[in-house]
């Protein structure tokens, strides 16, 4: 995929948003490489990526980008089985670019690897611990598209001189040009979703015509309702180094029903609810739950399909409750 991305980056126009790609910047070497050897092999590709990710040229407004768009880029390697180390960039129009280095808090292995000397070296480069994930962060001015070679060299220098990358593991990338809304219908369905934000969740719910209101923790989800049936939609699995981004979604609906009838409802529906779980919770309420996982990547079409299953499941449970009660019992929040 790297060759296809390079072809697009070398075109006179920017790849249309939304666009996402991942691949290998440099394959593993049989022998350790010096930092200069890594730089010479990787600099051109990384600089080309950063020219698209970190730059928002005014002449591209309304064409290659528009307000509300975002971009991110991650360079990552895995020096041992339980440890991934990365440098990443997050960019939005009119804002400083956030350059981040992985947190020592993510695992015991990261704590051991990112020793005091590594932290001192990052501090000397202007990085400070910050954000929920505890990554090392610094804000930089958005570069001109023709001046990203220096930024590429800095990222590669951090990987080699601070994090110890010596080429013996593949150096991989994740490249994303994102669009918050108004995605083109012809390519939106094929773009991989690797995380969900509160705005993504709101868009998913309102696109289905459901009403919503914030939960007690307004940063994590909503209480939604459709045709008299209420449910909660809560983001879960916060992603390391990406504040406000989550790897999954929990959909839940609860209804108080008499035990005898609730058992009958469960028995009738248990085998007829795709992707969902139905049972009786500790409070004796009928509990319908469905988990959606996007960590690792699913298509937007698949995400929409899973949410469609949730709507079908709600309707099926509603019809059985109506059959037993003549109305849908009030929803209990847990």
C-alpha atoms as a PDB file:
ATOM      1  CA  UNK A   1       0.000   0.000   0.000  1.00  0.00           C
ATOM      2  CA  UNK A   2       2.966   2.322   0.553  1.00  0.00           C
ATOM      3  CA  UNK A   3       3.631   2.530  -3.201  1.00  0.00           C
ATOM      4  CA  UNK A   4       0.017   3.471  -3.892  1.00  0.00           C
ATOM      5  CA  UNK A   5       0.160   6.161  -1.248  1.00  0.00           C
ATOM      6  CA  UNK A   6       3.422   7.564  -2.649  1.00  0.00           C
ATOM      7  CA  UNK A   7       1.822   7.747  -6.096  1.00  0.00           C
ATOM      8  CA  UNK A   8      -1.020   9.785  -4.634  1.00  0.00           C
ATOM      9  CA  UNK A   9       1.301  12.037  -2.655  1.00  0.00           C
ATOM     10  CA  UNK A  10       3.361  12.753  -5.773  1.00  0.00           C
ATOM     11  CA  UNK A  11       0.283  13.875  -7.696  1.00  0.00           C
ATOM     12  CA  UNK A  12      -0.309  17.644  -8.013  1.00  0.00           C
ATOM     13  CA  UNK A  13      -3.437  17.404  -5.848  1.00  0.00           C
ATOM     14  CA  UNK A  14      -3.929  16.067  -2.339  1.00  0.00           C
ATOM     15  CA  UNK A  15      -5.690  12.689  -1.878  1.00  0.00           C
ATOM     16  CA  UNK A  16      -9.398  13.301  -1.401  1.00  0.00           C
ATOM     17  CA  UNK A  17     -10.706  13.171   2.151  1.00  0.00           C
ATOM     18  CA  UNK A  18     -11.435  10.856   3.802  1.00  0.00           C
ATOM     19  CA  UNK A  19      -8.298   8.850   3.027  1.00  0.00           C
ATOM     20  CA  UNK A  20      -6.498   6.276   5.176  1.00  0.00           C
ATOM     21  CA  UNK A  21      -3.559   3.973   4.614  1.00  0.00           C
ATOM     22  CA  UNK A  22      -1.033   1.956   6.584  1.00  0.00           C
ATOM     23  CA  UNK A  23       2.144   0.188   5.635  1.00  0.00           C
ATOM     24  CA  UNK A  24       5.867  -0.170   6.179  1.00  0.00           C
ATOM     25  CA  UNK A  25       8.255   2.769   5.994  1.00  0.00           C
ATOM     26  CA  UNK A  26      11.263   0.494   6.296  1.00  0.00           C
ATOM     27  CA  UNK A  27      11.377  -3.314   6.457  1.00  0.00           C
ATOM     28  CA  UNK A  28      13.430  -5.051   9.142  1.00  0.00           C
ATOM     29  CA  UNK A  29      17.183  -5.154   8.666  1.00  0.00           C
ATOM     30  CA  UNK A  30      19.273  -8.233   9.434  1.00  0.00           C
ATOM     31  CA  UNK A  31      21.860  -6.101  11.222  1.00  0.00           C
ATOM     32  CA  UNK A  32      21.600  -2.948  13.382  1.00  0.00           C
ATOM     33  CA  UNK A  33      21.694   0.315  11.456  1.00  0.00           C
ATOM     34  CA  UNK A  34      23.160   3.660  12.437  1.00  0.00           C
ATOM     35  CA  UNK A  35      20.707   6.562  12.841  1.00  0.00           C
ATOM     36  CA  UNK A  36      21.988   8.182   9.633  1.00  0.00           C
ATOM     37  CA  UNK A  37      21.291   4.969   7.710  1.00  0.00           C
ATOM     38  CA  UNK A  38      17.709   4.914   8.996  1.00  0.00           C
ATOM     39  CA  UNK A  39      17.234   8.576   8.140  1.00  0.00           C
ATOM     40  CA  UNK A  40      18.550   8.170   4.598  1.00  0.00           C
ATOM     41  CA  UNK A  41      16.119   5.314   3.909  1.00  0.00           C
ATOM     42  CA  UNK A  42      13.040   6.845   5.526  1.00  0.00           C
ATOM     43  CA  UNK A  43      13.251  10.632   5.300  1.00  0.00           C
ATOM     44  CA  UNK A  44      11.716  11.155   1.859  1.00  0.00           C
ATOM     45  CA  UNK A  45       8.622   9.025   2.522  1.00  0.00           C
ATOM     46  CA  UNK A  46       8.043  10.417   6.015  1.00  0.00           C
ATOM     47  CA  UNK A  47       8.456  13.998   4.739  1.00  0.00           C
ATOM     48  CA  UNK A  48       5.947  13.314   1.948  1.00  0.00           C
ATOM     49  CA  UNK A  49       3.455  11.967   4.486  1.00  0.00           C
ATOM     50  CA  UNK A  50       3.931  14.939   6.800  1.00  0.00           C
ATOM     51  CA  UNK A  51       3.464  17.378   3.927  1.00  0.00           C
ATOM     52  CA  UNK A  52      -0.113  16.109   3.685  1.00  0.00           C
ATOM     53  CA  UNK A  53      -0.804  15.514   7.371  1.00  0.00           C
ATOM     54  CA  UNK A  54       0.622  18.633   9.025  1.00  0.00           C
ATOM     55  CA  UNK A  55       0.162  21.328   6.397  1.00  0.00           C
ATOM     56  CA  UNK A  56      -3.037  23.248   5.634  1.00  0.00           C
ATOM     57  CA  UNK A  57      -2.143  25.601   2.747  1.00  0.00           C
ATOM     58  CA  UNK A  58      -4.595  28.448   2.326  1.00  0.00           C
ATOM     59  CA  UNK A  59      -4.896  27.785  -1.412  1.00  0.00           C
ATOM     60  CA  UNK A  60      -6.269  24.331  -0.541  1.00  0.00           C
ATOM     61  CA  UNK A  61      -9.173  25.669   1.572  1.00  0.00           C
ATOM     62  CA  UNK A  62     -12.442  24.316   0.221  1.00  0.00           C
ATOM     63  CA  UNK A  63     -10.610  21.937  -2.124  1.00  0.00           C
ATOM     64  CA  UNK A  64      -8.113  19.651  -0.389  1.00  0.00           C
ATOM     65  CA  UNK A  65      -9.396  20.593   3.081  1.00  0.00           C
ATOM     66  CA  UNK A  66     -12.067  22.556   4.886  1.00  0.00           C
ATOM     67  CA  UNK A  67     -12.708  23.642   8.492  1.00  0.00           C
ATOM     68  CA  UNK A  68     -13.459  20.634  10.683  1.00  0.00           C
ATOM     69  CA  UNK A  69     -11.054  18.304   8.889  1.00  0.00           C
ATOM     70  CA  UNK A  70      -8.224  16.607  10.782  1.00  0.00           C
ATOM     71  CA  UNK A  71      -5.163  14.509  10.020  1.00  0.00           C
ATOM     72  CA  UNK A  72      -2.936  12.182  11.994  1.00  0.00           C
ATOM     73  CA  UNK A  73       0.185  10.138  11.360  1.00  0.00           C
ATOM     74  CA  UNK A  74       1.852   7.460  13.481  1.00  0.00           C
ATOM     75  CA  UNK A  75       5.343   5.956  13.131  1.00  0.00           C
ATOM     76  CA  UNK A  76       5.682   2.805  15.230  1.00  0.00           C
ATOM     77  CA  UNK A  77       7.981  -0.124  15.898  1.00  0.00           C
ATOM     78  CA  UNK A  78       7.883  -3.094  18.271  1.00  0.00           C
ATOM     79  CA  UNK A  79      11.253  -3.767  19.942  1.00  0.00           C
ATOM     80  CA  UNK A  80       9.817  -6.649  21.969  1.00  0.00           C
ATOM     81  CA  UNK A  81       6.594  -8.642  22.022  1.00  0.00           C
ATOM     82  CA  UNK A  82       4.852  -6.663  24.755  1.00  0.00           C
ATOM     83  CA  UNK A  83       6.011  -3.183  23.740  1.00  0.00           C
ATOM     84  CA  UNK A  84       5.136  -0.778  20.929  1.00  0.00           C
ATOM     85  CA  UNK A  85       6.909   2.578  20.690  1.00  0.00           C
ATOM     86  CA  UNK A  86       5.735   5.438  18.513  1.00  0.00           C
ATOM     87  CA  UNK A  87       5.945   9.051  17.434  1.00  0.00           C
ATOM     88  CA  UNK A  88       2.681  10.552  16.252  1.00  0.00           C
ATOM     89  CA  UNK A  89       1.287  13.797  14.853  1.00  0.00           C
ATOM     90  CA  UNK A  90      -2.210  15.282  15.164  1.00  0.00           C
ATOM     91  CA  UNK A  91      -3.174  18.258  13.030  1.00  0.00           C
ATOM     92  CA  UNK A  92      -6.243  20.458  12.483  1.00  0.00           C
ATOM     93  CA  UNK A  93      -6.696  23.641  10.401  1.00  0.00           C
ATOM     94  CA  UNK A  94      -5.600  26.803  12.180  1.00  0.00           C
ATOM     95  CA  UNK A  95      -4.132  24.922  15.141  1.00  0.00           C
ATOM     96  CA  UNK A  96      -0.631  24.003  16.157  1.00  0.00           C
ATOM     97  CA  UNK A  97       0.441  20.475  15.290  1.00  0.00           C
ATOM     98  CA  UNK A  98       0.683  18.158  18.290  1.00  0.00           C
ATOM     99  CA  UNK A  99       3.763  15.954  18.156  1.00  0.00           C
ATOM    100  CA  UNK A 100       3.663  13.138  20.697  1.00  0.00           C
ATOM    101  CA  UNK A 101       5.931  10.347  21.889  1.00  0.00           C
ATOM    102  CA  UNK A 102       4.573   7.222  23.583  1.00  0.00           C
ATOM    103  CA  UNK A 103       3.862   7.242  27.301  1.00  0.00           C
ATOM    104  CA  UNK A 104       5.943   5.385  29.894  1.00  0.00           C
ATOM    105  CA  UNK A 105       2.669   4.736  31.735  1.00  0.00           C
ATOM    106  CA  UNK A 106       1.181   2.433  29.107  1.00  0.00           C
ATOM    107  CA  UNK A 107       2.781  -0.756  30.465  1.00  0.00           C
ATOM    108  CA  UNK A 108       5.560  -1.999  32.767  1.00  0.00           C
ATOM    109  CA  UNK A 109       7.653  -2.676  29.669  1.00  0.00           C
ATOM    110  CA  UNK A 110       7.222   0.930  28.515  1.00  0.00           C
ATOM    111  CA  UNK A 111       8.152   2.205  31.968  1.00  0.00           C
ATOM    112  CA  UNK A 112      11.364   0.191  31.888  1.00  0.00           C
ATOM    113  CA  UNK A 113      12.224   1.161  28.314  1.00  0.00           C
ATOM    114  CA  UNK A 114      11.505   4.877  28.687  1.00  0.00           C
ATOM    115  CA  UNK A 115      14.078   5.385  31.425  1.00  0.00           C
ATOM    116  CA  UNK A 116      15.110   8.606  33.092  1.00  0.00           C
ATOM    117  CA  UNK A 117      17.727   9.315  30.431  1.00  0.00           C
ATOM    118  CA  UNK A 118      15.125   8.918  27.663  1.00  0.00           C
ATOM    119  CA  UNK A 119      12.762  11.301  29.424  1.00  0.00           C
ATOM    120  CA  UNK A 120      15.553  13.821  29.888  1.00  0.00           C
ATOM    121  CA  UNK A 121      16.417  13.606  26.195  1.00  0.00           C
ATOM    122  CA  UNK A 122      12.772  14.226  25.260  1.00  0.00           C
ATOM    123  CA  UNK A 123      12.563  17.147  27.701  1.00  0.00           C
ATOM    124  CA  UNK A 124      15.624  18.694  26.046  1.00  0.00           C
ATOM    125  CA  UNK A 125      13.742  18.499  22.750  1.00  0.00           C
ATOM    126  CA  UNK A 126      10.807  20.416  24.223  1.00  0.00           C
ATOM    127  CA  UNK A 127       8.462  17.556  25.138  1.00  0.00           C
ATOM    128  CA  UNK A 128       6.421  17.513  28.337  1.00  0.00           C
ATOM    129  CA  UNK A 129       4.122  14.809  29.784  1.00  0.00           C
ATOM    130  CA  UNK A 130       0.486  15.635  29.077  1.00  0.00           C
ATOM    131  CA  UNK A 131      -3.000  14.395  28.265  1.00  0.00           C
ATOM    132  CA  UNK A 132      -4.951  11.461  29.660  1.00  0.00           C
ATOM    133  CA  UNK A 133      -2.510   8.932  28.192  1.00  0.00           C
ATOM    134  CA  UNK A 134       0.552  10.635  29.679  1.00  0.00           C
ATOM    135  CA  UNK A 135       2.347  10.874  26.319  1.00  0.00           C
ATOM    136  CA  UNK A 136       5.228  13.285  25.869  1.00  0.00           C
ATOM    137  CA  UNK A 137       3.776  16.209  23.916  1.00  0.00           C
ATOM    138  CA  UNK A 138       4.887  19.412  22.274  1.00  0.00           C
ATOM    139  CA  UNK A 139       3.003  21.831  20.039  1.00  0.00           C
ATOM    140  CA  UNK A 140       4.684  23.054  16.856  1.00  0.00           C
ATOM    141  CA  UNK A 141       3.703  25.465  14.115  1.00  0.00           C
ATOM    142  CA  UNK A 142       2.154  23.855  11.053  1.00  0.00           C
ATOM    143  CA  UNK A 143       4.947  23.619   8.459  1.00  0.00           C
ATOM    144  CA  UNK A 144       4.809  24.693   4.859  1.00  0.00           C
ATOM    145  CA  UNK A 145       4.254  21.631   2.635  1.00  0.00           C
ATOM    146  CA  UNK A 146       7.697  22.179   1.075  1.00  0.00           C
ATOM    147  CA  UNK A 147       9.444  22.343   4.470  1.00  0.00           C
ATOM    148  CA  UNK A 148       8.605  19.031   6.160  1.00  0.00           C
ATOM    149  CA  UNK A 149      12.007  17.371   5.697  1.00  0.00           C
ATOM    150  CA  UNK A 150      13.245  18.882   8.961  1.00  0.00           C
ATOM    151  CA  UNK A 151      10.187  17.625  10.811  1.00  0.00           C
ATOM    152  CA  UNK A 152      10.691  14.166   9.309  1.00  0.00           C
ATOM    153  CA  UNK A 153      14.326  14.178  10.469  1.00  0.00           C
ATOM    154  CA  UNK A 154      13.240  15.186  13.979  1.00  0.00           C
ATOM    155  CA  UNK A 155      10.726  12.325  14.163  1.00  0.00           C
ATOM    156  CA  UNK A 156      13.307   9.829  12.920  1.00  0.00           C
ATOM    157  CA  UNK A 157      15.913  11.229  15.318  1.00  0.00           C
ATOM    158  CA  UNK A 158      13.550  10.679  18.239  1.00  0.00           C
ATOM    159  CA  UNK A 159      12.922   7.105  17.110  1.00  0.00           C
ATOM    160  CA  UNK A 160      16.610   6.303  16.700  1.00  0.00           C
ATOM    161  CA  UNK A 161      18.356   8.453  19.311  1.00  0.00           C
ATOM    162  CA  UNK A 162      15.740   8.485  22.083  1.00  0.00           C
ATOM    163  CA  UNK A 163      13.668   5.318  21.608  1.00  0.00           C
ATOM    164  CA  UNK A 164      16.478   3.105  20.347  1.00  0.00           C
ATOM    165  CA  UNK A 165      15.192   2.159  16.889  1.00  0.00           C
ATOM    166  CA  UNK A 166      18.025   0.507  14.945  1.00  0.00           C
ATOM    167  CA  UNK A 167      16.207  -0.986  11.973  1.00  0.00           C
ATOM    168  CA  UNK A 168      16.002  -4.565  13.213  1.00  0.00           C
ATOM    169  CA  UNK A 169      12.197  -4.319  13.405  1.00  0.00           C
ATOM    170  CA  UNK A 170       9.870  -2.997  10.678  1.00  0.00           C
ATOM    171  CA  UNK A 171       9.045   0.697  11.024  1.00  0.00           C
ATOM    172  CA  UNK A 172       5.345   1.028  10.205  1.00  0.00           C
ATOM    173  CA  UNK A 173       3.037   3.954   9.611  1.00  0.00           C
ATOM    174  CA  UNK A 174      -0.642   4.811   9.884  1.00  0.00           C
ATOM    175  CA  UNK A 175      -1.702   7.746   7.718  1.00  0.00           C
ATOM    176  CA  UNK A 176      -5.128   9.397   7.900  1.00  0.00           C
ATOM    177  CA  UNK A 177      -6.708  12.432   6.274  1.00  0.00           C
ATOM    178  CA  UNK A 178     -10.004  12.701   8.120  1.00  0.00           C
ATOM    179  CA  UNK A 179     -13.273  14.468   7.526  1.00  0.00           C
ATOM    180  CA  UNK A 180     -15.641  15.029  10.437  1.00  0.00           C
ATOM    181  CA  UNK A 181     -18.774  15.262   8.306  1.00  0.00           C
ATOM    182  CA  UNK A 182     -19.942  15.540   4.722  1.00  0.00           C
ATOM    183  CA  UNK A 183     -17.897  12.563   3.537  1.00  0.00           C
ATOM    184  CA  UNK A 184     -18.272  11.637  -0.080  1.00  0.00           C
ATOM    185  CA  UNK A 185     -20.773   8.822  -0.514  1.00  0.00           C
ATOM    186  CA  UNK A 186     -18.641   7.010  -3.095  1.00  0.00           C
ATOM    187  CA  UNK A 187     -15.700   6.337  -0.773  1.00  0.00           C
ATOM    188  CA  UNK A 188     -16.914   6.831   2.788  1.00  0.00           C
ATOM    189  CA  UNK A 189     -18.196   3.283   3.203  1.00  0.00           C
ATOM    190  CA  UNK A 190     -14.810   1.759   2.358  1.00  0.00           C
ATOM    191  CA  UNK A 191     -12.764   3.857   4.809  1.00  0.00           C
ATOM    192  CA  UNK A 192     -11.658   1.948   7.893  1.00  0.00           C
ATOM    193  CA  UNK A 193     -12.869   3.221  11.244  1.00  0.00           C
ATOM    194  CA  UNK A 194     -10.214   2.606  13.906  1.00  0.00           C
ATOM    195  CA  UNK A 195     -11.643   4.779  16.662  1.00  0.00           C
ATOM    196  CA  UNK A 196     -14.820   6.573  17.701  1.00  0.00           C
ATOM    197  CA  UNK A 197     -15.209  10.067  19.138  1.00  0.00           C
ATOM    198  CA  UNK A 198     -18.206  11.666  20.813  1.00  0.00           C
ATOM    199  CA  UNK A 199     -18.923  13.511  17.562  1.00  0.00           C
ATOM    200  CA  UNK A 200     -18.824  10.211  15.638  1.00  0.00           C
ATOM    201  CA  UNK A 201     -21.280   8.674  18.087  1.00  0.00           C
ATOM    202  CA  UNK A 202     -23.628  11.660  17.889  1.00  0.00           C
ATOM    203  CA  UNK A 203     -23.566  11.470  14.090  1.00  0.00           C
ATOM    204  CA  UNK A 204     -24.300   7.726  14.140  1.00  0.00           C
ATOM    205  CA  UNK A 205     -27.307   8.167  16.414  1.00  0.00           C
ATOM    206  CA  UNK A 206     -28.815  11.264  14.810  1.00  0.00           C
ATOM    207  CA  UNK A 207     -28.385   9.810  11.306  1.00  0.00           C
ATOM    208  CA  UNK A 208     -30.759   7.041  12.407  1.00  0.00           C
ATOM    209  CA  UNK A 209     -33.316   9.670  13.448  1.00  0.00           C
ATOM    210  CA  UNK A 210     -32.952   8.963  17.182  1.00  0.00           C
ATOM    211  CA  UNK A 211     -33.113  11.753  19.743  1.00  0.00           C
ATOM    212  CA  UNK A 212     -30.365  12.071  22.320  1.00  0.00           C
ATOM    213  CA  UNK A 213     -29.251  13.813  25.480  1.00  0.00           C
ATOM    214  CA  UNK A 214     -25.954  13.693  27.408  1.00  0.00           C
ATOM    215  CA  UNK A 215     -25.266  11.066  30.052  1.00  0.00           C
ATOM    216  CA  UNK A 216     -23.992  11.954  33.530  1.00  0.00           C
ATOM    217  CA  UNK A 217     -20.507  11.701  32.007  1.00  0.00           C
ATOM    218  CA  UNK A 218     -21.134  13.851  28.903  1.00  0.00           C
ATOM    219  CA  UNK A 219     -17.713  13.058  27.420  1.00  0.00           C
ATOM    220  CA  UNK A 220     -18.466   9.345  27.085  1.00  0.00           C
ATOM    221  CA  UNK A 221     -21.877   9.018  25.462  1.00  0.00           C
ATOM    222  CA  UNK A 222     -25.591   9.680  25.237  1.00  0.00           C
ATOM    223  CA  UNK A 223     -29.007   8.555  26.359  1.00  0.00           C
ATOM    224  CA  UNK A 224     -30.879   8.032  23.097  1.00  0.00           C
ATOM    225  CA  UNK A 225     -34.463   7.123  22.271  1.00  0.00           C
ATOM    226  CA  UNK A 226     -36.445   5.919  19.298  1.00  0.00           C
ATOM    227  CA  UNK A 227     -40.202   5.375  19.118  1.00  0.00           C
ATOM    228  CA  UNK A 228     -40.587   5.411  22.886  1.00  0.00           C
ATOM    229  CA  UNK A 229     -37.656   3.072  23.604  1.00  0.00           C
ATOM    230  CA  UNK A 230     -34.619   4.534  25.375  1.00  0.00           C
ATOM    231  CA  UNK A 231     -31.087   3.169  25.445  1.00  0.00           C
ATOM    232  CA  UNK A 232     -27.604   4.270  26.435  1.00  0.00           C
ATOM    233  CA  UNK A 233     -24.693   4.525  24.017  1.00  0.00           C
ATOM    234  CA  UNK A 234     -21.358   4.687  25.838  1.00  0.00           C
ATOM    235  CA  UNK A 235     -17.851   4.896  24.362  1.00  0.00           C
ATOM    236  CA  UNK A 236     -15.342   2.487  25.911  1.00  0.00           C
ATOM    237  CA  UNK A 237     -11.691   1.409  25.592  1.00  0.00           C
ATOM    238  CA  UNK A 238      -9.911   4.818  25.550  1.00  0.00           C
ATOM    239  CA  UNK A 239      -7.074   4.794  23.040  1.00  0.00           C
ATOM    240  CA  UNK A 240      -3.589   5.479  24.263  1.00  0.00           C
ATOM    241  CA  UNK A 241      -2.169   8.770  23.102  1.00  0.00           C
ATOM    242  CA  UNK A 242      -5.393   9.921  21.429  1.00  0.00           C
ATOM    243  CA  UNK A 243      -7.520  11.858  23.898  1.00  0.00           C
ATOM    244  CA  UNK A 244     -11.215  11.637  23.082  1.00  0.00           C
ATOM    245  CA  UNK A 245     -10.792   8.559  20.871  1.00  0.00           C
ATOM    246  CA  UNK A 246     -12.188   5.184  21.882  1.00  0.00           C
ATOM    247  CA  UNK A 247     -11.860   1.653  20.556  1.00  0.00           C
ATOM    248  CA  UNK A 248     -15.444   0.544  21.065  1.00  0.00           C
ATOM    249  CA  UNK A 249     -19.053   1.271  21.896  1.00  0.00           C
ATOM    250  CA  UNK A 250     -21.470  -0.302  24.375  1.00  0.00           C
ATOM    251  CA  UNK A 251     -25.211  -0.108  23.583  1.00  0.00           C
ATOM    252  CA  UNK A 252     -27.564  -0.997  26.466  1.00  0.00           C
ATOM    253  CA  UNK A 253     -31.273  -0.948  27.223  1.00  0.00           C
ATOM    254  CA  UNK A 254     -32.944  -2.062  30.448  1.00  0.00           C
ATOM    255  CA  UNK A 255     -36.607  -2.592  31.310  1.00  0.00           C
ATOM    256  CA  UNK A 256     -38.216  -3.650  34.619  1.00  0.00           C
ATOM    257  CA  UNK A 257     -40.522  -6.623  34.069  1.00  0.00           C
ATOM    258  CA  UNK A 258     -41.997  -9.286  36.359  1.00  0.00           C
ATOM    259  CA  UNK A 259     -39.669 -12.252  36.702  1.00  0.00           C
ATOM    260  CA  UNK A 260     -42.057 -14.772  35.195  1.00  0.00           C
ATOM    261  CA  UNK A 261     -42.614 -12.684  32.096  1.00  0.00           C
ATOM    262  CA  UNK A 262     -38.994 -11.671  31.777  1.00  0.00           C
ATOM    263  CA  UNK A 263     -37.940 -15.325  31.629  1.00  0.00           C
ATOM    264  CA  UNK A 264     -40.507 -15.921  28.932  1.00  0.00           C
ATOM    265  CA  UNK A 265     -39.215 -12.952  26.944  1.00  0.00           C
ATOM    266  CA  UNK A 266     -35.625 -14.110  27.245  1.00  0.00           C
ATOM    267  CA  UNK A 267     -36.510 -17.632  26.156  1.00  0.00           C
ATOM    268  CA  UNK A 268     -38.374 -16.332  23.132  1.00  0.00           C
ATOM    269  CA  UNK A 269     -35.751 -13.872  21.972  1.00  0.00           C
ATOM    270  CA  UNK A 270     -32.410 -15.346  23.008  1.00  0.00           C
ATOM    271  CA  UNK A 271     -31.776 -16.998  19.647  1.00  0.00           C
ATOM    272  CA  UNK A 272     -33.124 -14.202  17.479  1.00  0.00           C
ATOM    273  CA  UNK A 273     -31.018 -11.131  18.272  1.00  0.00           C
ATOM    274  CA  UNK A 274     -27.976 -10.734  15.977  1.00  0.00           C
ATOM    275  CA  UNK A 275     -24.811  -9.506  17.734  1.00  0.00           C
ATOM    276  CA  UNK A 276     -26.673  -8.770  20.991  1.00  0.00           C
ATOM    277  CA  UNK A 277     -26.995 -10.336  24.444  1.00  0.00           C
ATOM    278  CA  UNK A 278     -30.288 -10.590  26.316  1.00  0.00           C
ATOM    279  CA  UNK A 279     -30.632 -11.573  29.933  1.00  0.00           C
ATOM    280  CA  UNK A 280     -31.771 -10.643  33.414  1.00  0.00           C
ATOM    281  CA  UNK A 281     -29.378  -8.392  35.319  1.00  0.00           C
ATOM    282  CA  UNK A 282     -28.678  -8.346  39.067  1.00  0.00           C
ATOM    283  CA  UNK A 283     -31.591  -5.955  39.633  1.00  0.00           C
ATOM    284  CA  UNK A 284     -34.036  -8.308  37.949  1.00  0.00           C
ATOM    285  CA  UNK A 285     -34.422  -6.061  34.901  1.00  0.00           C
ATOM    286  CA  UNK A 286     -34.491  -7.251  31.325  1.00  0.00           C
ATOM    287  CA  UNK A 287     -31.095  -6.252  29.871  1.00  0.00           C
ATOM    288  CA  UNK A 288     -30.364  -5.934  26.158  1.00  0.00           C
ATOM    289  CA  UNK A 289     -26.699  -5.203  25.346  1.00  0.00           C
ATOM    290  CA  UNK A 290     -24.586  -5.033  22.221  1.00  0.00           C
ATOM    291  CA  UNK A 291     -20.856  -4.307  21.949  1.00  0.00           C
ATOM    292  CA  UNK A 292     -19.325  -2.732  18.850  1.00  0.00           C
ATOM    293  CA  UNK A 293     -15.534  -2.975  18.510  1.00  0.00           C
ATOM    294  CA  UNK A 294     -13.674  -0.723  16.043  1.00  0.00           C
ATOM    295  CA  UNK A 295     -10.143  -1.184  17.440  1.00  0.00           C
ATOM    296  CA  UNK A 296      -8.062  -2.685  14.649  1.00  0.00           C
ATOM    297  CA  UNK A 297     -10.349  -1.258  11.962  1.00  0.00           C
ATOM    298  CA  UNK A 298     -13.799  -1.932  10.517  1.00  0.00           C
ATOM    299  CA  UNK A 299     -15.405  -0.307   7.488  1.00  0.00           C
ATOM    300  CA  UNK A 300     -18.001   2.405   7.911  1.00  0.00           C
ATOM    301  CA  UNK A 301     -20.409   0.117   6.107  1.00  0.00           C
ATOM    302  CA  UNK A 302     -19.854  -2.552   8.749  1.00  0.00           C
ATOM    303  CA  UNK A 303     -20.275  -0.014  11.555  1.00  0.00           C
ATOM    304  CA  UNK A 304     -23.584   1.110  10.054  1.00  0.00           C
ATOM    305  CA  UNK A 305     -24.640  -2.528   9.688  1.00  0.00           C
ATOM    306  CA  UNK A 306     -23.938  -3.267  13.361  1.00  0.00           C
ATOM    307  CA  UNK A 307     -25.911  -0.217  14.450  1.00  0.00           C
ATOM    308  CA  UNK A 308     -28.703  -1.370  12.159  1.00  0.00           C
ATOM    309  CA  UNK A 309     -28.712  -4.698  14.008  1.00  0.00           C
ATOM    310  CA  UNK A 310     -29.102  -2.757  17.262  1.00  0.00           C
ATOM    311  CA  UNK A 311     -32.162  -0.963  15.901  1.00  0.00           C
ATOM    312  CA  UNK A 312     -33.643  -4.290  14.784  1.00  0.00           C
ATOM    313  CA  UNK A 313     -32.962  -5.814  18.188  1.00  0.00           C
ATOM    314  CA  UNK A 314     -34.635  -2.922  19.992  1.00  0.00           C
ATOM    315  CA  UNK A 315     -37.696  -3.267  17.785  1.00  0.00           C
ATOM    316  CA  UNK A 316     -37.922  -7.045  18.312  1.00  0.00           C
ATOM    317  CA  UNK A 317     -37.712  -6.708  22.086  1.00  0.00           C
ATOM    318  CA  UNK A 318     -40.246  -3.884  21.978  1.00  0.00           C
ATOM    319  CA  UNK A 319     -42.761  -5.993  20.053  1.00  0.00           C
ATOM    320  CA  UNK A 320     -42.481  -8.913  22.493  1.00  0.00           C
ATOM    321  CA  UNK A 321     -42.877  -6.558  25.462  1.00  0.00           C
ATOM    322  CA  UNK A 322     -45.953  -5.060  23.836  1.00  0.00           C
ATOM    323  CA  UNK A 323     -47.363  -8.541  23.399  1.00  0.00           C
ATOM    324  CA  UNK A 324     -46.905  -9.303  27.118  1.00  0.00           C
ATOM    325  CA  UNK A 325     -47.704  -5.890  28.631  1.00  0.00           C
ATOM    326  CA  UNK A 326     -49.636  -3.933  26.045  1.00  0.00           C
ATOM    327  CA  UNK A 327     -46.994  -1.230  26.468  1.00  0.00           C
ATOM    328  CA  UNK A 328     -43.220  -0.884  26.721  1.00  0.00           C
ATOM    329  CA  UNK A 329     -42.092  -0.657  30.379  1.00  0.00           C
ATOM    330  CA  UNK A 330     -40.086   2.361  31.436  1.00  0.00           C
ATOM    331  CA  UNK A 331     -36.331   2.144  30.987  1.00  0.00           C
ATOM    332  CA  UNK A 332     -34.017   1.878  33.945  1.00  0.00           C
ATOM    333  CA  UNK A 333     -30.543   3.426  33.744  1.00  0.00           C
ATOM    334  CA  UNK A 334     -27.648   1.462  35.261  1.00  0.00           C
END
